[in-house]
């Protein structure tokens, strides 16, 4: 069921007929991560939520049809309105609620490339769905007595990734720069790369302590150890696929060699199968 939910979230992120999907049975699960910070899970990327006297601060907003349920989950822990929404990247399972939240008065924040890609993703994207505050490298919110440091890592999942570090609370929201316990989806067409994904994970691991709580883009609340496990796995994938490339195998031959067979039981899932991971790694490592 867990694998299917992740797959559904990503497939629907690119589906042109989003309105035809049934979200009626989706429930929003709220997990307290620390005082004033929560993780919301529904369908799509995990949402981060900061609450306090200044107002609610959302990290991602899933799909538009879930807006009412998400706002109900926010209202269950605060009587303040949503003042800011940070998009960790441009995919629809993280930005689908932008328009409704923007029209309600929330200020949408994202990396420069997120605004560009959202504007290009659909002709005539409403202005209310676009970030009104953008940044290139870093930005910091001093909000709800929290220091919310946001930075753009190496191009990992896309070229507009943002990672959020609640510095005084030892919490990191990774967006899709982390799929906990699973092969990641690396959107090469949107500027992502295997090398960048590994570098991004390493940069986060280097800046956090062992007791940090990690909100991944997809998956359960995680830890630094989970980040380190993903790094080891991805470096192993890189080594294996690079060896096949050095042997002169083309992409289909690399897939036929089944180089990730022993990793697939633990890491493969419905959307990123072993074959998909091989093809992604091959394309990334041979990209010019």
C-alpha atoms as a PDB file:
ATOM      1  CA  UNK A   1       0.000   0.000   0.000  1.00  0.00           C
ATOM      2  CA  UNK A   2       2.864   2.341   0.885  1.00  0.00           C
ATOM      3  CA  UNK A   3       4.607   1.731  -2.431  1.00  0.00           C
ATOM      4  CA  UNK A   4       1.375   2.332  -4.310  1.00  0.00           C
ATOM      5  CA  UNK A   5       0.747   5.622  -2.522  1.00  0.00           C
ATOM      6  CA  UNK A   6       4.179   6.945  -3.429  1.00  0.00           C
ATOM      7  CA  UNK A   7       3.722   5.869  -7.032  1.00  0.00           C
ATOM      8  CA  UNK A   8       0.282   7.405  -7.248  1.00  0.00           C
ATOM      9  CA  UNK A   9       1.622  10.674  -5.911  1.00  0.00           C
ATOM     10  CA  UNK A  10       4.315  10.964  -8.555  1.00  0.00           C
ATOM     11  CA  UNK A  11       2.260   9.667 -11.459  1.00  0.00           C
ATOM     12  CA  UNK A  12      -0.510  12.117 -10.639  1.00  0.00           C
ATOM     13  CA  UNK A  13       2.043  14.900 -10.445  1.00  0.00           C
ATOM     14  CA  UNK A  14       2.407  14.734 -14.212  1.00  0.00           C
ATOM     15  CA  UNK A  15      -1.094  13.592 -15.175  1.00  0.00           C
ATOM     16  CA  UNK A  16      -2.858  16.079 -17.449  1.00  0.00           C
ATOM     17  CA  UNK A  17      -6.298  15.127 -16.162  1.00  0.00           C
ATOM     18  CA  UNK A  18      -5.611  15.718 -12.483  1.00  0.00           C
ATOM     19  CA  UNK A  19      -9.224  16.652 -11.767  1.00  0.00           C
ATOM     20  CA  UNK A  20     -10.308  13.145 -12.722  1.00  0.00           C
ATOM     21  CA  UNK A  21      -8.361  11.562  -9.853  1.00  0.00           C
ATOM     22  CA  UNK A  22     -10.346  10.640  -6.771  1.00  0.00           C
ATOM     23  CA  UNK A  23      -9.007  12.200  -3.588  1.00  0.00           C
ATOM     24  CA  UNK A  24     -12.191  11.634  -1.588  1.00  0.00           C
ATOM     25  CA  UNK A  25     -10.739   8.814   0.506  1.00  0.00           C
ATOM     26  CA  UNK A  26      -7.399  10.501   1.199  1.00  0.00           C
ATOM     27  CA  UNK A  27      -6.896  11.355   4.853  1.00  0.00           C
ATOM     28  CA  UNK A  28      -4.304  13.804   6.140  1.00  0.00           C
ATOM     29  CA  UNK A  29      -2.150  12.296   8.884  1.00  0.00           C
ATOM     30  CA  UNK A  30      -0.518  14.796  11.248  1.00  0.00           C
ATOM     31  CA  UNK A  31       2.695  13.862  13.091  1.00  0.00           C
ATOM     32  CA  UNK A  32       4.254  16.121  15.715  1.00  0.00           C
ATOM     33  CA  UNK A  33       7.972  16.438  14.973  1.00  0.00           C
ATOM     34  CA  UNK A  34       8.848  19.027  17.636  1.00  0.00           C
ATOM     35  CA  UNK A  35       7.048  21.798  19.478  1.00  0.00           C
ATOM     36  CA  UNK A  36       5.481  23.948  16.763  1.00  0.00           C
ATOM     37  CA  UNK A  37       6.529  21.731  13.831  1.00  0.00           C
ATOM     38  CA  UNK A  38       4.486  18.971  12.197  1.00  0.00           C
ATOM     39  CA  UNK A  39       4.618  16.594   9.242  1.00  0.00           C
ATOM     40  CA  UNK A  40       1.413  16.172   7.229  1.00  0.00           C
ATOM     41  CA  UNK A  41       0.974  13.127   4.997  1.00  0.00           C
ATOM     42  CA  UNK A  42      -1.784  12.595   2.473  1.00  0.00           C
ATOM     43  CA  UNK A  43      -1.333  11.985  -1.258  1.00  0.00           C
ATOM     44  CA  UNK A  44       1.792  13.563  -2.675  1.00  0.00           C
ATOM     45  CA  UNK A  45       4.902  14.942  -1.067  1.00  0.00           C
ATOM     46  CA  UNK A  46       5.148  15.177   2.701  1.00  0.00           C
ATOM     47  CA  UNK A  47       4.177  18.606   4.010  1.00  0.00           C
ATOM     48  CA  UNK A  48       6.071  20.442   6.725  1.00  0.00           C
ATOM     49  CA  UNK A  49       4.168  22.823   8.989  1.00  0.00           C
ATOM     50  CA  UNK A  50       5.497  25.479  11.361  1.00  0.00           C
ATOM     51  CA  UNK A  51       2.980  27.098  13.697  1.00  0.00           C
ATOM     52  CA  UNK A  52       3.195  29.866  16.262  1.00  0.00           C
ATOM     53  CA  UNK A  53       2.239  33.448  16.957  1.00  0.00           C
ATOM     54  CA  UNK A  54       3.447  34.693  13.561  1.00  0.00           C
ATOM     55  CA  UNK A  55       1.199  32.381  11.582  1.00  0.00           C
ATOM     56  CA  UNK A  56       1.356  29.052   9.766  1.00  0.00           C
ATOM     57  CA  UNK A  57       4.277  28.299   7.428  1.00  0.00           C
ATOM     58  CA  UNK A  58       3.732  25.376   5.023  1.00  0.00           C
ATOM     59  CA  UNK A  59       6.419  23.444   3.192  1.00  0.00           C
ATOM     60  CA  UNK A  60       4.701  22.108   0.038  1.00  0.00           C
ATOM     61  CA  UNK A  61       0.949  21.724  -0.462  1.00  0.00           C
ATOM     62  CA  UNK A  62       0.225  18.474  -2.374  1.00  0.00           C
ATOM     63  CA  UNK A  63      -2.805  18.541  -4.738  1.00  0.00           C
ATOM     64  CA  UNK A  64      -5.512  21.179  -5.141  1.00  0.00           C
ATOM     65  CA  UNK A  65      -8.421  18.813  -4.317  1.00  0.00           C
ATOM     66  CA  UNK A  66      -6.804  18.190  -0.912  1.00  0.00           C
ATOM     67  CA  UNK A  67      -6.637  21.879  -0.027  1.00  0.00           C
ATOM     68  CA  UNK A  68      -9.656  21.819   2.264  1.00  0.00           C
ATOM     69  CA  UNK A  69      -8.399  18.742   4.107  1.00  0.00           C
ATOM     70  CA  UNK A  70      -4.921  20.204   4.482  1.00  0.00           C
ATOM     71  CA  UNK A  71      -6.273  23.474   5.844  1.00  0.00           C
ATOM     72  CA  UNK A  72      -8.433  21.485   8.277  1.00  0.00           C
ATOM     73  CA  UNK A  73      -5.305  19.690   9.490  1.00  0.00           C
ATOM     74  CA  UNK A  74      -3.579  23.058   9.926  1.00  0.00           C
ATOM     75  CA  UNK A  75      -6.592  24.437  11.799  1.00  0.00           C
ATOM     76  CA  UNK A  76      -6.455  21.461  14.168  1.00  0.00           C
ATOM     77  CA  UNK A  77      -3.103  22.663  15.538  1.00  0.00           C
ATOM     78  CA  UNK A  78      -3.334  26.462  15.158  1.00  0.00           C
ATOM     79  CA  UNK A  79      -5.926  29.207  14.844  1.00  0.00           C
ATOM     80  CA  UNK A  80      -3.540  31.242  12.677  1.00  0.00           C
ATOM     81  CA  UNK A  81      -3.842  31.457   8.893  1.00  0.00           C
ATOM     82  CA  UNK A  82      -1.242  30.211   6.412  1.00  0.00           C
ATOM     83  CA  UNK A  83       1.075  33.139   5.732  1.00  0.00           C
ATOM     84  CA  UNK A  84       3.824  31.433   3.707  1.00  0.00           C
ATOM     85  CA  UNK A  85       4.079  28.343   1.484  1.00  0.00           C
ATOM     86  CA  UNK A  86       7.523  27.126   0.462  1.00  0.00           C
ATOM     87  CA  UNK A  87       7.688  24.881  -2.622  1.00  0.00           C
ATOM     88  CA  UNK A  88      10.646  22.486  -2.418  1.00  0.00           C
ATOM     89  CA  UNK A  89      10.468  22.055  -6.224  1.00  0.00           C
ATOM     90  CA  UNK A  90       7.930  22.415  -9.040  1.00  0.00           C
ATOM     91  CA  UNK A  91       6.266  18.989  -9.323  1.00  0.00           C
ATOM     92  CA  UNK A  92       2.494  18.960  -9.003  1.00  0.00           C
ATOM     93  CA  UNK A  93       2.333  16.672  -5.964  1.00  0.00           C
ATOM     94  CA  UNK A  94       4.151  19.440  -4.050  1.00  0.00           C
ATOM     95  CA  UNK A  95       2.663  22.549  -5.668  1.00  0.00           C
ATOM     96  CA  UNK A  96      -0.888  21.604  -6.646  1.00  0.00           C
ATOM     97  CA  UNK A  97      -2.408  23.665  -3.837  1.00  0.00           C
ATOM     98  CA  UNK A  98      -0.523  26.847  -4.736  1.00  0.00           C
ATOM     99  CA  UNK A  99      -3.316  28.633  -6.547  1.00  0.00           C
ATOM    100  CA  UNK A 100      -5.921  28.178  -3.824  1.00  0.00           C
ATOM    101  CA  UNK A 101      -3.486  29.101  -1.070  1.00  0.00           C
ATOM    102  CA  UNK A 102      -2.181  32.056  -3.050  1.00  0.00           C
ATOM    103  CA  UNK A 103      -5.704  33.359  -3.588  1.00  0.00           C
ATOM    104  CA  UNK A 104      -6.367  33.013   0.136  1.00  0.00           C
ATOM    105  CA  UNK A 105      -3.478  35.352   0.897  1.00  0.00           C
ATOM    106  CA  UNK A 106      -0.518  33.046   1.446  1.00  0.00           C
ATOM    107  CA  UNK A 107       2.837  34.160   0.020  1.00  0.00           C
ATOM    108  CA  UNK A 108       4.463  31.438  -2.078  1.00  0.00           C
ATOM    109  CA  UNK A 109       8.246  31.083  -1.866  1.00  0.00           C
ATOM    110  CA  UNK A 110      10.551  28.935  -4.010  1.00  0.00           C
ATOM    111  CA  UNK A 111      13.825  28.728  -5.858  1.00  0.00           C
ATOM    112  CA  UNK A 112      14.074  30.906  -8.974  1.00  0.00           C
ATOM    113  CA  UNK A 113      13.804  27.873 -11.271  1.00  0.00           C
ATOM    114  CA  UNK A 114      10.556  26.725  -9.667  1.00  0.00           C
ATOM    115  CA  UNK A 115       8.766  29.874 -10.779  1.00  0.00           C
ATOM    116  CA  UNK A 116      10.199  29.475 -14.278  1.00  0.00           C
ATOM    117  CA  UNK A 117       9.188  25.823 -14.548  1.00  0.00           C
ATOM    118  CA  UNK A 118       5.716  26.338 -13.091  1.00  0.00           C
ATOM    119  CA  UNK A 119       5.098  29.151 -15.551  1.00  0.00           C
ATOM    120  CA  UNK A 120       6.153  26.885 -18.440  1.00  0.00           C
ATOM    121  CA  UNK A 121       4.468  23.713 -17.173  1.00  0.00           C
ATOM    122  CA  UNK A 122       0.986  24.831 -18.183  1.00  0.00           C
ATOM    123  CA  UNK A 123       0.055  27.588 -20.562  1.00  0.00           C
ATOM    124  CA  UNK A 124      -1.703  30.306 -18.686  1.00  0.00           C
ATOM    125  CA  UNK A 125      -0.767  29.161 -15.188  1.00  0.00           C
ATOM    126  CA  UNK A 126      -2.649  31.526 -12.848  1.00  0.00           C
ATOM    127  CA  UNK A 127      -0.486  34.184 -11.245  1.00  0.00           C
ATOM    128  CA  UNK A 128      -1.778  33.089  -7.845  1.00  0.00           C
ATOM    129  CA  UNK A 129      -0.097  29.692  -8.326  1.00  0.00           C
ATOM    130  CA  UNK A 130       3.358  31.179  -8.923  1.00  0.00           C
ATOM    131  CA  UNK A 131       5.928  31.987  -6.243  1.00  0.00           C
ATOM    132  CA  UNK A 132       5.980  35.689  -5.412  1.00  0.00           C
ATOM    133  CA  UNK A 133       9.273  35.427  -3.515  1.00  0.00           C
ATOM    134  CA  UNK A 134      12.193  33.556  -5.086  1.00  0.00           C
ATOM    135  CA  UNK A 135      15.835  32.958  -4.203  1.00  0.00           C
ATOM    136  CA  UNK A 136      18.907  31.555  -5.937  1.00  0.00           C
ATOM    137  CA  UNK A 137      21.053  30.087  -3.165  1.00  0.00           C
ATOM    138  CA  UNK A 138      19.764  30.654   0.370  1.00  0.00           C
ATOM    139  CA  UNK A 139      17.165  32.510   2.367  1.00  0.00           C
ATOM    140  CA  UNK A 140      16.205  32.525   6.044  1.00  0.00           C
ATOM    141  CA  UNK A 141      12.868  33.056   7.787  1.00  0.00           C
ATOM    142  CA  UNK A 142      12.884  34.160  11.397  1.00  0.00           C
ATOM    143  CA  UNK A 143       9.365  32.995  12.082  1.00  0.00           C
ATOM    144  CA  UNK A 144       7.465  31.551  15.036  1.00  0.00           C
ATOM    145  CA  UNK A 145      10.621  31.864  17.152  1.00  0.00           C
ATOM    146  CA  UNK A 146      12.311  29.491  14.715  1.00  0.00           C
ATOM    147  CA  UNK A 147      15.293  30.014  12.435  1.00  0.00           C
ATOM    148  CA  UNK A 148      14.138  28.454   9.173  1.00  0.00           C
ATOM    149  CA  UNK A 149      17.161  28.269   6.869  1.00  0.00           C
ATOM    150  CA  UNK A 150      16.395  27.347   3.257  1.00  0.00           C
ATOM    151  CA  UNK A 151      19.060  26.501   0.712  1.00  0.00           C
ATOM    152  CA  UNK A 152      19.387  25.237  -2.839  1.00  0.00           C
ATOM    153  CA  UNK A 153      21.749  22.221  -2.891  1.00  0.00           C
ATOM    154  CA  UNK A 154      23.395  20.628  -5.888  1.00  0.00           C
ATOM    155  CA  UNK A 155      20.814  19.985  -8.616  1.00  0.00           C
ATOM    156  CA  UNK A 156      19.492  16.697  -7.253  1.00  0.00           C
ATOM    157  CA  UNK A 157      15.854  15.833  -7.884  1.00  0.00           C
ATOM    158  CA  UNK A 158      15.474  18.918 -10.138  1.00  0.00           C
ATOM    159  CA  UNK A 159      17.291  22.196 -10.756  1.00  0.00           C
ATOM    160  CA  UNK A 160      15.016  24.010  -8.301  1.00  0.00           C
ATOM    161  CA  UNK A 161      15.330  21.930  -5.146  1.00  0.00           C
ATOM    162  CA  UNK A 162      15.080  23.581  -1.739  1.00  0.00           C
ATOM    163  CA  UNK A 163      16.045  21.988   1.561  1.00  0.00           C
ATOM    164  CA  UNK A 164      14.717  23.460   4.796  1.00  0.00           C
ATOM    165  CA  UNK A 165      16.682  23.360   8.062  1.00  0.00           C
ATOM    166  CA  UNK A 166      14.965  24.349  11.292  1.00  0.00           C
ATOM    167  CA  UNK A 167      18.272  25.189  12.878  1.00  0.00           C
ATOM    168  CA  UNK A 168      17.157  25.615  16.471  1.00  0.00           C
ATOM    169  CA  UNK A 169      14.952  22.511  16.415  1.00  0.00           C
ATOM    170  CA  UNK A 170      17.202  19.944  14.670  1.00  0.00           C
ATOM    171  CA  UNK A 171      14.705  19.272  11.891  1.00  0.00           C
ATOM    172  CA  UNK A 172      15.338  19.065   8.144  1.00  0.00           C
ATOM    173  CA  UNK A 173      12.700  18.920   5.412  1.00  0.00           C
ATOM    174  CA  UNK A 174      14.350  17.397   2.345  1.00  0.00           C
ATOM    175  CA  UNK A 175      11.649  17.647  -0.293  1.00  0.00           C
ATOM    176  CA  UNK A 176      12.245  15.075  -3.022  1.00  0.00           C
ATOM    177  CA  UNK A 177      15.985  15.325  -2.492  1.00  0.00           C
ATOM    178  CA  UNK A 178      15.197  12.308  -0.301  1.00  0.00           C
ATOM    179  CA  UNK A 179      12.933   9.312  -0.841  1.00  0.00           C
ATOM    180  CA  UNK A 180      13.326   7.492   2.445  1.00  0.00           C
ATOM    181  CA  UNK A 181      14.224   3.822   2.038  1.00  0.00           C
ATOM    182  CA  UNK A 182      13.524   3.798  -1.713  1.00  0.00           C
ATOM    183  CA  UNK A 183      15.272   4.435  -4.994  1.00  0.00           C
ATOM    184  CA  UNK A 184      14.771   8.136  -5.691  1.00  0.00           C
ATOM    185  CA  UNK A 185      13.031   9.687  -8.654  1.00  0.00           C
ATOM    186  CA  UNK A 186      15.647  11.838 -10.376  1.00  0.00           C
ATOM    187  CA  UNK A 187      14.052  14.150 -12.941  1.00  0.00           C
ATOM    188  CA  UNK A 188      16.871  14.447 -15.450  1.00  0.00           C
ATOM    189  CA  UNK A 189      14.716  16.452 -17.865  1.00  0.00           C
ATOM    190  CA  UNK A 190      14.262  19.048 -15.122  1.00  0.00           C
ATOM    191  CA  UNK A 191      17.970  19.337 -14.341  1.00  0.00           C
ATOM    192  CA  UNK A 192      18.319  16.564 -11.768  1.00  0.00           C
ATOM    193  CA  UNK A 193      21.292  14.204 -11.760  1.00  0.00           C
ATOM    194  CA  UNK A 194      22.599  11.178  -9.894  1.00  0.00           C
ATOM    195  CA  UNK A 195      25.839  12.955  -9.012  1.00  0.00           C
ATOM    196  CA  UNK A 196      23.915  15.964  -7.748  1.00  0.00           C
ATOM    197  CA  UNK A 197      21.556  13.780  -5.752  1.00  0.00           C
ATOM    198  CA  UNK A 198      24.450  12.121  -3.957  1.00  0.00           C
ATOM    199  CA  UNK A 199      26.196  15.453  -3.380  1.00  0.00           C
ATOM    200  CA  UNK A 200      22.991  16.953  -1.989  1.00  0.00           C
ATOM    201  CA  UNK A 201      22.514  14.115   0.497  1.00  0.00           C
ATOM    202  CA  UNK A 202      26.162  14.365   1.530  1.00  0.00           C
ATOM    203  CA  UNK A 203      25.889  18.116   2.108  1.00  0.00           C
ATOM    204  CA  UNK A 204      22.914  17.610   4.419  1.00  0.00           C
ATOM    205  CA  UNK A 205      24.574  14.738   6.285  1.00  0.00           C
ATOM    206  CA  UNK A 206      27.622  16.947   6.881  1.00  0.00           C
ATOM    207  CA  UNK A 207      25.580  19.781   8.408  1.00  0.00           C
ATOM    208  CA  UNK A 208      23.340  17.834  10.798  1.00  0.00           C
ATOM    209  CA  UNK A 209      23.810  15.866  13.993  1.00  0.00           C
ATOM    210  CA  UNK A 210      22.883  12.272  14.701  1.00  0.00           C
ATOM    211  CA  UNK A 211      19.694  13.246  16.530  1.00  0.00           C
ATOM    212  CA  UNK A 212      18.174  15.304  13.708  1.00  0.00           C
ATOM    213  CA  UNK A 213      14.642  14.492  12.553  1.00  0.00           C
ATOM    214  CA  UNK A 214      14.318  14.282   8.780  1.00  0.00           C
ATOM    215  CA  UNK A 215      11.091  14.879   6.860  1.00  0.00           C
ATOM    216  CA  UNK A 216      11.652  13.262   3.447  1.00  0.00           C
ATOM    217  CA  UNK A 217       9.739  14.168   0.323  1.00  0.00           C
ATOM    218  CA  UNK A 218       8.213  10.702   0.428  1.00  0.00           C
ATOM    219  CA  UNK A 219       8.325   8.115   3.182  1.00  0.00           C
ATOM    220  CA  UNK A 220       8.178   8.081   6.984  1.00  0.00           C
ATOM    221  CA  UNK A 221       9.817  10.492   9.387  1.00  0.00           C
ATOM    222  CA  UNK A 222      13.489   9.600   9.114  1.00  0.00           C
ATOM    223  CA  UNK A 223      16.948  10.174  10.559  1.00  0.00           C
ATOM    224  CA  UNK A 224      20.523  11.002   9.600  1.00  0.00           C
ATOM    225  CA  UNK A 225      21.177   7.258   9.473  1.00  0.00           C
ATOM    226  CA  UNK A 226      18.531   6.947   6.754  1.00  0.00           C
ATOM    227  CA  UNK A 227      20.265   9.668   4.735  1.00  0.00           C
ATOM    228  CA  UNK A 228      23.586   7.863   5.112  1.00  0.00           C
ATOM    229  CA  UNK A 229      22.029   4.564   3.982  1.00  0.00           C
ATOM    230  CA  UNK A 230      20.707   6.271   0.858  1.00  0.00           C
ATOM    231  CA  UNK A 231      24.149   7.717   0.142  1.00  0.00           C
ATOM    232  CA  UNK A 232      25.794   4.291   0.391  1.00  0.00           C
ATOM    233  CA  UNK A 233      23.152   2.750  -1.874  1.00  0.00           C
ATOM    234  CA  UNK A 234      23.377   5.479  -4.526  1.00  0.00           C
ATOM    235  CA  UNK A 235      27.170   5.377  -4.592  1.00  0.00           C
ATOM    236  CA  UNK A 236      26.922   1.626  -5.099  1.00  0.00           C
ATOM    237  CA  UNK A 237      24.443   2.165  -7.940  1.00  0.00           C
ATOM    238  CA  UNK A 238      26.772   4.737  -9.499  1.00  0.00           C
ATOM    239  CA  UNK A 239      29.767   2.375  -9.307  1.00  0.00           C
ATOM    240  CA  UNK A 240      27.891  -0.527 -10.868  1.00  0.00           C
ATOM    241  CA  UNK A 241      26.392   1.458 -13.730  1.00  0.00           C
ATOM    242  CA  UNK A 242      29.652   3.326 -14.407  1.00  0.00           C
ATOM    243  CA  UNK A 243      31.413  -0.034 -14.752  1.00  0.00           C
ATOM    244  CA  UNK A 244      28.931  -1.164 -17.398  1.00  0.00           C
ATOM    245  CA  UNK A 245      29.334   2.134 -19.249  1.00  0.00           C
ATOM    246  CA  UNK A 246      33.117   1.674 -19.184  1.00  0.00           C
ATOM    247  CA  UNK A 247      32.641  -1.799 -20.659  1.00  0.00           C
ATOM    248  CA  UNK A 248      30.867  -0.189 -23.608  1.00  0.00           C
ATOM    249  CA  UNK A 249      27.345  -1.439 -22.878  1.00  0.00           C
ATOM    250  CA  UNK A 250      24.507   0.685 -24.184  1.00  0.00           C
ATOM    251  CA  UNK A 251      21.493   1.486 -21.997  1.00  0.00           C
ATOM    252  CA  UNK A 252      19.402  -1.543 -22.987  1.00  0.00           C
ATOM    253  CA  UNK A 253      22.353  -3.888 -22.504  1.00  0.00           C
ATOM    254  CA  UNK A 254      22.974  -2.380 -19.081  1.00  0.00           C
ATOM    255  CA  UNK A 255      19.349  -3.041 -18.149  1.00  0.00           C
ATOM    256  CA  UNK A 256      19.611  -6.623 -19.434  1.00  0.00           C
ATOM    257  CA  UNK A 257      22.667  -7.188 -17.230  1.00  0.00           C
ATOM    258  CA  UNK A 258      20.397  -6.544 -14.193  1.00  0.00           C
ATOM    259  CA  UNK A 259      23.207  -4.963 -12.155  1.00  0.00           C
ATOM    260  CA  UNK A 260      20.972  -3.964  -9.213  1.00  0.00           C
ATOM    261  CA  UNK A 261      19.335  -7.359  -8.696  1.00  0.00           C
ATOM    262  CA  UNK A 262      20.494  -7.749  -5.105  1.00  0.00           C
ATOM    263  CA  UNK A 263      19.465  -4.179  -4.185  1.00  0.00           C
ATOM    264  CA  UNK A 264      15.991  -4.261  -5.669  1.00  0.00           C
ATOM    265  CA  UNK A 265      14.265  -6.202  -2.902  1.00  0.00           C
ATOM    266  CA  UNK A 266      15.064  -3.453  -0.404  1.00  0.00           C
ATOM    267  CA  UNK A 267      15.074  -0.319  -2.570  1.00  0.00           C
ATOM    268  CA  UNK A 268      12.860  -0.864  -5.641  1.00  0.00           C
ATOM    269  CA  UNK A 269       9.202   0.112  -5.625  1.00  0.00           C
ATOM    270  CA  UNK A 270       6.343   0.459  -8.047  1.00  0.00           C
ATOM    271  CA  UNK A 271       7.401   3.706  -9.679  1.00  0.00           C
ATOM    272  CA  UNK A 272      11.195   3.401  -9.482  1.00  0.00           C
ATOM    273  CA  UNK A 273      11.822  -0.231 -10.324  1.00  0.00           C
ATOM    274  CA  UNK A 274      15.273  -1.697 -10.682  1.00  0.00           C
ATOM    275  CA  UNK A 275      15.074  -1.140 -14.443  1.00  0.00           C
ATOM    276  CA  UNK A 276      14.011   2.478 -13.965  1.00  0.00           C
ATOM    277  CA  UNK A 277      16.904   3.100 -11.581  1.00  0.00           C
ATOM    278  CA  UNK A 278      19.392   1.581 -14.046  1.00  0.00           C
ATOM    279  CA  UNK A 279      18.059   3.699 -16.906  1.00  0.00           C
ATOM    280  CA  UNK A 280      18.062   6.857 -14.793  1.00  0.00           C
ATOM    281  CA  UNK A 281      21.622   6.274 -13.602  1.00  0.00           C
ATOM    282  CA  UNK A 282      22.795   5.404 -17.112  1.00  0.00           C
ATOM    283  CA  UNK A 283      21.242   8.507 -18.642  1.00  0.00           C
ATOM    284  CA  UNK A 284      22.597  10.723 -15.895  1.00  0.00           C
ATOM    285  CA  UNK A 285      26.131   9.376 -16.027  1.00  0.00           C
ATOM    286  CA  UNK A 286      26.292   9.652 -19.821  1.00  0.00           C
ATOM    287  CA  UNK A 287      24.638  13.057 -20.101  1.00  0.00           C
ATOM    288  CA  UNK A 288      26.700  15.805 -21.695  1.00  0.00           C
END
